[in-house]
């Protein structure tokens, strides 16, 4: 799986997450290295870096500044599903490494 130049929006998130349907993720990939930027909703600016394995699973770390002016950090593991329309759906298991250090789940879809 190659995520280069793909754009995603959350369609579902745990209550303790900060992303919403207004958040847009833009991914770049070179080899196994994935980078991304995101913003929108409660996120003023966010960045991520990760590794994509042969099965297309992403292991990433992220940091973001929210509208409260807080710097938040976390880690995430994403697995993909290819939808009938050819777009990608990502199932994410994430864990804050700042704040309350809680865990959550999100679903992102390519648009």
N, C-alpha and C. Protein backbone atom coordinates (compact mmCIF):
# COMPACT_ATOMS: atom_id res chain seq x y z
N UNK A 1 0.84 -1.18 0.00
CA UNK A 1 0.00 0.00 0.00
C UNK A 1 0.88 1.24 0.00
N UNK A 2 0.53 2.19 -0.84
CA UNK A 2 1.26 3.45 -0.88
C UNK A 2 0.28 4.58 -0.58
N UNK A 3 0.61 5.37 0.42
CA UNK A 3 -0.26 6.45 0.89
C UNK A 3 0.17 7.82 0.35
N UNK A 4 1.10 7.85 -0.59
CA UNK A 4 1.61 9.12 -1.09
C UNK A 4 0.51 9.95 -1.74
N UNK A 5 0.44 11.22 -1.34
CA UNK A 5 -0.53 12.19 -1.85
C UNK A 5 -1.98 11.82 -1.57
N UNK A 6 -2.23 11.03 -0.54
CA UNK A 6 -3.59 10.67 -0.14
C UNK A 6 -4.07 11.65 0.93
N UNK A 7 -5.37 11.97 0.89
CA UNK A 7 -5.99 12.85 1.88
C UNK A 7 -7.09 12.08 2.60
N UNK A 8 -7.16 12.27 3.91
CA UNK A 8 -8.12 11.54 4.74
C UNK A 8 -8.86 12.49 5.67
N UNK A 9 -10.07 12.07 6.06
CA UNK A 9 -10.87 12.76 7.07
C UNK A 9 -11.39 11.72 8.05
N UNK A 10 -11.44 12.06 9.33
CA UNK A 10 -12.04 11.14 10.31
C UNK A 10 -13.55 11.02 10.08
N UNK A 11 -14.05 9.80 10.16
CA UNK A 11 -15.49 9.56 10.12
C UNK A 11 -15.99 9.04 11.47
N UNK A 12 -15.03 8.70 12.33
CA UNK A 12 -15.37 8.22 13.68
C UNK A 12 -14.15 8.42 14.57
N UNK A 13 -14.39 8.79 15.85
CA UNK A 13 -13.30 8.96 16.79
C UNK A 13 -13.81 8.76 18.20
N UNK A 14 -12.96 8.29 19.07
CA UNK A 14 -13.30 8.16 20.49
C UNK A 14 -13.50 9.55 21.08
N UNK A 15 -14.28 9.63 22.16
CA UNK A 15 -14.57 10.92 22.80
C UNK A 15 -13.32 11.65 23.26
N UNK A 16 -12.29 10.92 23.65
CA UNK A 16 -11.06 11.54 24.15
C UNK A 16 -10.12 11.98 23.04
N UNK A 17 -10.52 11.83 21.79
CA UNK A 17 -9.72 12.28 20.66
C UNK A 17 -10.01 13.74 20.32
N UNK A 18 -9.13 14.36 19.57
CA UNK A 18 -9.30 15.77 19.20
C UNK A 18 -9.65 15.97 17.73
N UNK A 19 -9.52 14.96 16.90
CA UNK A 19 -9.84 15.13 15.48
C UNK A 19 -11.35 14.99 15.27
N UNK A 20 -11.82 15.56 14.17
CA UNK A 20 -13.24 15.50 13.81
C UNK A 20 -13.36 15.47 12.30
N UNK A 21 -14.57 15.47 11.80
CA UNK A 21 -14.80 15.48 10.36
C UNK A 21 -14.25 16.72 9.68
N UNK A 22 -13.90 17.75 10.46
CA UNK A 22 -13.32 18.97 9.91
C UNK A 22 -11.80 18.87 9.77
N UNK A 23 -11.20 17.82 10.34
CA UNK A 23 -9.75 17.65 10.29
C UNK A 23 -9.36 16.98 8.98
N UNK A 24 -8.38 17.55 8.29
CA UNK A 24 -7.90 16.98 7.03
C UNK A 24 -6.44 16.55 7.22
N UNK A 25 -6.17 15.29 6.86
CA UNK A 25 -4.82 14.72 6.91
C UNK A 25 -4.30 14.62 5.48
N UNK A 26 -3.07 15.05 5.26
CA UNK A 26 -2.42 14.93 3.95
C UNK A 26 -1.15 14.13 4.14
N UNK A 27 -1.07 12.95 3.49
CA UNK A 27 0.04 12.03 3.66
C UNK A 27 1.00 12.11 2.47
N UNK A 28 2.28 11.91 2.79
CA UNK A 28 3.33 11.74 1.79
C UNK A 28 4.08 10.46 2.17
N UNK A 29 4.51 9.71 1.17
CA UNK A 29 5.25 8.48 1.45
C UNK A 29 6.40 8.34 0.47
N UNK A 30 7.56 8.01 1.02
CA UNK A 30 8.74 7.71 0.23
C UNK A 30 9.33 6.42 0.77
N UNK A 31 9.26 5.35 -0.01
CA UNK A 31 9.68 4.04 0.49
C UNK A 31 8.77 3.65 1.64
N UNK A 32 9.37 3.26 2.75
CA UNK A 32 8.55 2.86 3.91
C UNK A 32 8.26 4.03 4.85
N UNK A 33 8.79 5.22 4.56
CA UNK A 33 8.63 6.37 5.45
C UNK A 33 7.40 7.19 5.06
N UNK A 34 6.52 7.37 6.03
CA UNK A 34 5.29 8.14 5.86
C UNK A 34 5.41 9.43 6.67
N UNK A 35 5.05 10.55 6.07
CA UNK A 35 4.95 11.81 6.80
C UNK A 35 3.58 12.40 6.51
N UNK A 36 3.16 13.29 7.36
CA UNK A 36 1.87 13.91 7.13
C UNK A 36 1.70 15.18 7.93
N UNK A 37 0.78 15.99 7.44
CA UNK A 37 0.37 17.20 8.13
C UNK A 37 -1.14 17.18 8.21
N UNK A 38 -1.68 17.78 9.26
CA UNK A 38 -3.13 17.82 9.43
C UNK A 38 -3.53 19.04 10.23
N UNK A 39 -4.79 19.45 9.99
CA UNK A 39 -5.36 20.58 10.71
C UNK A 39 -6.86 20.60 10.47
N UNK A 40 -7.54 21.41 11.27
CA UNK A 40 -8.98 21.56 11.13
C UNK A 40 -9.71 21.11 12.38
N UNK A 41 -10.89 21.68 12.59
CA UNK A 41 -11.63 21.40 13.81
C UNK A 41 -10.87 21.96 15.00
N UNK A 42 -10.64 21.14 16.01
CA UNK A 42 -9.92 21.57 17.21
C UNK A 42 -8.40 21.55 17.04
N UNK A 43 -7.91 21.12 15.88
CA UNK A 43 -6.47 21.03 15.64
C UNK A 43 -6.01 22.25 14.84
N UNK A 44 -5.12 23.04 15.43
CA UNK A 44 -4.55 24.19 14.73
C UNK A 44 -3.50 23.71 13.73
N UNK A 45 -2.62 22.80 14.19
CA UNK A 45 -1.57 22.25 13.31
C UNK A 45 -1.08 20.94 13.90
N UNK A 46 -0.92 19.95 13.05
CA UNK A 46 -0.38 18.67 13.49
C UNK A 46 0.54 18.07 12.45
N UNK A 47 1.47 17.25 12.93
CA UNK A 47 2.40 16.55 12.04
C UNK A 47 2.56 15.12 12.53
N UNK A 48 2.88 14.23 11.59
CA UNK A 48 3.12 12.84 11.95
C UNK A 48 4.26 12.28 11.13
N UNK A 49 4.87 11.24 11.68
CA UNK A 49 5.89 10.48 10.95
C UNK A 49 5.69 9.02 11.32
N UNK A 50 5.87 8.14 10.33
CA UNK A 50 5.66 6.73 10.59
C UNK A 50 6.36 5.84 9.59
N UNK A 51 6.22 4.56 9.84
CA UNK A 51 6.75 3.52 8.96
C UNK A 51 5.60 2.67 8.45
N UNK A 52 5.64 2.34 7.17
CA UNK A 52 4.63 1.49 6.55
C UNK A 52 5.28 0.14 6.27
N UNK A 53 4.69 -0.95 6.81
CA UNK A 53 5.28 -2.27 6.57
C UNK A 53 4.73 -2.87 5.27
N UNK A 54 5.20 -4.06 4.93
CA UNK A 54 4.83 -4.71 3.67
C UNK A 54 3.33 -4.97 3.56
N UNK A 55 2.65 -5.12 4.71
CA UNK A 55 1.21 -5.36 4.72
C UNK A 55 0.40 -4.07 4.66
N UNK A 56 1.09 -2.92 4.62
CA UNK A 56 0.40 -1.64 4.56
C UNK A 56 0.02 -1.06 5.90
N UNK A 57 0.42 -1.71 6.99
CA UNK A 57 0.14 -1.21 8.34
C UNK A 57 1.10 -0.06 8.65
N UNK A 58 0.54 0.99 9.27
CA UNK A 58 1.33 2.18 9.62
C UNK A 58 1.58 2.19 11.13
N UNK A 59 2.83 2.39 11.51
CA UNK A 59 3.21 2.63 12.91
C UNK A 59 3.73 4.06 12.95
N UNK A 60 2.99 4.96 13.64
CA UNK A 60 3.34 6.38 13.57
C UNK A 60 3.38 7.04 14.93
N UNK A 61 4.01 8.19 14.95
CA UNK A 61 4.03 9.10 16.09
C UNK A 61 3.50 10.44 15.60
N UNK A 62 2.78 11.14 16.46
CA UNK A 62 2.21 12.42 16.04
C UNK A 62 2.34 13.45 17.15
N UNK A 63 2.31 14.72 16.73
CA UNK A 63 2.25 15.83 17.67
C UNK A 63 1.38 16.92 17.05
N UNK A 64 0.66 17.63 17.91
CA UNK A 64 -0.27 18.62 17.42
C UNK A 64 -0.49 19.72 18.46
N UNK A 65 -0.90 20.89 17.97
CA UNK A 65 -1.30 21.99 18.84
C UNK A 65 -2.81 22.17 18.64
N UNK A 66 -3.54 22.15 19.75
CA UNK A 66 -5.00 22.30 19.66
C UNK A 66 -5.40 23.76 19.89
N UNK A 67 -6.70 24.04 19.76
CA UNK A 67 -7.20 25.40 19.90
C UNK A 67 -7.04 25.95 21.32
N UNK A 68 -6.81 25.07 22.30
CA UNK A 68 -6.55 25.52 23.67
C UNK A 68 -5.10 25.95 23.84
N UNK A 69 -4.28 25.78 22.79
CA UNK A 69 -2.86 26.13 22.87
C UNK A 69 -2.01 25.05 23.51
N UNK A 70 -2.54 23.83 23.60
CA UNK A 70 -1.81 22.72 24.20
C UNK A 70 -1.05 21.95 23.13
N UNK A 71 0.15 21.52 23.46
CA UNK A 71 0.94 20.64 22.61
C UNK A 71 0.66 19.21 23.06
N UNK A 72 0.07 18.41 22.17
CA UNK A 72 -0.29 17.04 22.48
C UNK A 72 0.54 16.08 21.63
N UNK A 73 0.89 14.93 22.19
CA UNK A 73 1.69 13.93 21.47
C UNK A 73 1.05 12.55 21.63
N UNK A 74 1.35 11.68 20.66
CA UNK A 74 0.81 10.34 20.75
C UNK A 74 1.43 9.38 19.75
N UNK A 75 0.95 8.14 19.83
CA UNK A 75 1.38 7.12 18.88
C UNK A 75 0.15 6.41 18.37
N UNK A 76 0.27 5.84 17.17
CA UNK A 76 -0.88 5.25 16.51
C UNK A 76 -0.45 4.10 15.61
N UNK A 77 -1.31 3.10 15.53
CA UNK A 77 -1.14 1.98 14.59
C UNK A 77 -2.39 1.95 13.72
N UNK A 78 -2.18 2.03 12.40
CA UNK A 78 -3.29 2.06 11.46
C UNK A 78 -3.23 0.86 10.52
N UNK A 79 -4.37 0.22 10.33
CA UNK A 79 -4.50 -0.83 9.34
C UNK A 79 -5.53 -0.36 8.30
N UNK A 80 -5.38 -0.83 7.08
CA UNK A 80 -6.24 -0.31 6.02
C UNK A 80 -7.22 -1.35 5.50
N UNK A 81 -8.28 -0.81 4.89
CA UNK A 81 -9.25 -1.60 4.12
C UNK A 81 -9.44 -0.86 2.81
N UNK A 82 -9.42 -1.58 1.71
CA UNK A 82 -9.69 -0.99 0.41
C UNK A 82 -11.20 -1.10 0.17
N UNK A 83 -11.86 0.03 0.02
CA UNK A 83 -13.31 0.06 -0.16
C UNK A 83 -13.68 -0.29 -1.61
N UNK A 84 -14.93 -0.71 -1.85
CA UNK A 84 -15.35 -1.06 -3.21
C UNK A 84 -15.15 0.07 -4.23
N UNK A 85 -15.19 1.34 -3.78
CA UNK A 85 -15.01 2.46 -4.69
C UNK A 85 -13.53 2.78 -4.93
N UNK A 86 -12.62 1.95 -4.36
CA UNK A 86 -11.19 2.12 -4.57
C UNK A 86 -10.51 3.02 -3.55
N UNK A 87 -11.29 3.64 -2.70
CA UNK A 87 -10.71 4.52 -1.67
C UNK A 87 -10.26 3.70 -0.47
N UNK A 88 -9.44 4.33 0.37
CA UNK A 88 -8.85 3.66 1.52
C UNK A 88 -9.56 4.08 2.80
N UNK A 89 -9.83 3.10 3.66
CA UNK A 89 -10.33 3.35 5.01
C UNK A 89 -9.24 2.90 5.98
N UNK A 90 -8.91 3.74 6.95
CA UNK A 90 -7.89 3.43 7.96
C UNK A 90 -8.56 3.21 9.32
N UNK A 91 -8.23 2.09 9.94
CA UNK A 91 -8.67 1.78 11.31
C UNK A 91 -7.50 2.05 12.23
N UNK A 92 -7.69 2.99 13.16
CA UNK A 92 -6.58 3.45 13.98
C UNK A 92 -6.78 3.13 15.46
N UNK A 93 -5.75 2.59 16.06
CA UNK A 93 -5.65 2.41 17.51
C UNK A 93 -4.58 3.36 17.97
N UNK A 94 -4.95 4.35 18.80
CA UNK A 94 -4.00 5.38 19.19
C UNK A 94 -3.92 5.49 20.71
N UNK A 95 -2.85 6.17 21.14
CA UNK A 95 -2.54 6.30 22.56
C UNK A 95 -1.87 7.65 22.78
N UNK A 96 -2.49 8.50 23.58
CA UNK A 96 -1.84 9.77 23.93
C UNK A 96 -0.60 9.48 24.76
N UNK A 97 0.50 10.17 24.45
CA UNK A 97 1.71 10.08 25.27
C UNK A 97 1.89 11.37 26.06
N UNK A 98 0.87 12.21 26.07
CA UNK A 98 0.82 13.43 26.87
C UNK A 98 -0.59 13.53 27.45
N UNK A 99 -0.82 14.56 28.25
CA UNK A 99 -2.14 14.71 28.84
C UNK A 99 -2.48 13.55 29.74
N UNK A 100 -3.67 12.97 29.54
CA UNK A 100 -4.12 11.87 30.41
C UNK A 100 -3.61 10.50 29.98
N UNK A 101 -2.85 10.44 28.88
CA UNK A 101 -2.26 9.19 28.37
C UNK A 101 -3.30 8.10 28.09
N UNK A 102 -4.52 8.52 27.75
CA UNK A 102 -5.58 7.56 27.45
C UNK A 102 -5.42 6.99 26.04
N UNK A 103 -6.24 6.00 25.74
CA UNK A 103 -6.23 5.33 24.44
C UNK A 103 -7.56 5.54 23.74
N UNK A 104 -7.55 5.34 22.42
CA UNK A 104 -8.78 5.48 21.66
C UNK A 104 -8.69 4.82 20.30
N UNK A 105 -9.78 4.93 19.56
CA UNK A 105 -9.87 4.37 18.21
C UNK A 105 -10.48 5.40 17.28
N UNK A 106 -10.01 5.41 16.04
CA UNK A 106 -10.54 6.30 15.02
C UNK A 106 -10.68 5.54 13.71
N UNK A 107 -11.53 6.06 12.85
CA UNK A 107 -11.64 5.57 11.48
C UNK A 107 -11.50 6.78 10.57
N UNK A 108 -10.57 6.70 9.62
CA UNK A 108 -10.36 7.76 8.63
C UNK A 108 -10.70 7.21 7.26
N UNK A 109 -11.24 8.07 6.39
CA UNK A 109 -11.51 7.65 5.02
C UNK A 109 -10.89 8.63 4.03
N UNK A 110 -10.37 8.07 2.96
CA UNK A 110 -9.80 8.86 1.88
C UNK A 110 -10.91 9.63 1.18
N UNK A 111 -10.59 10.84 0.77
CA UNK A 111 -11.57 11.61 -0.01
C UNK A 111 -10.89 12.31 -1.18
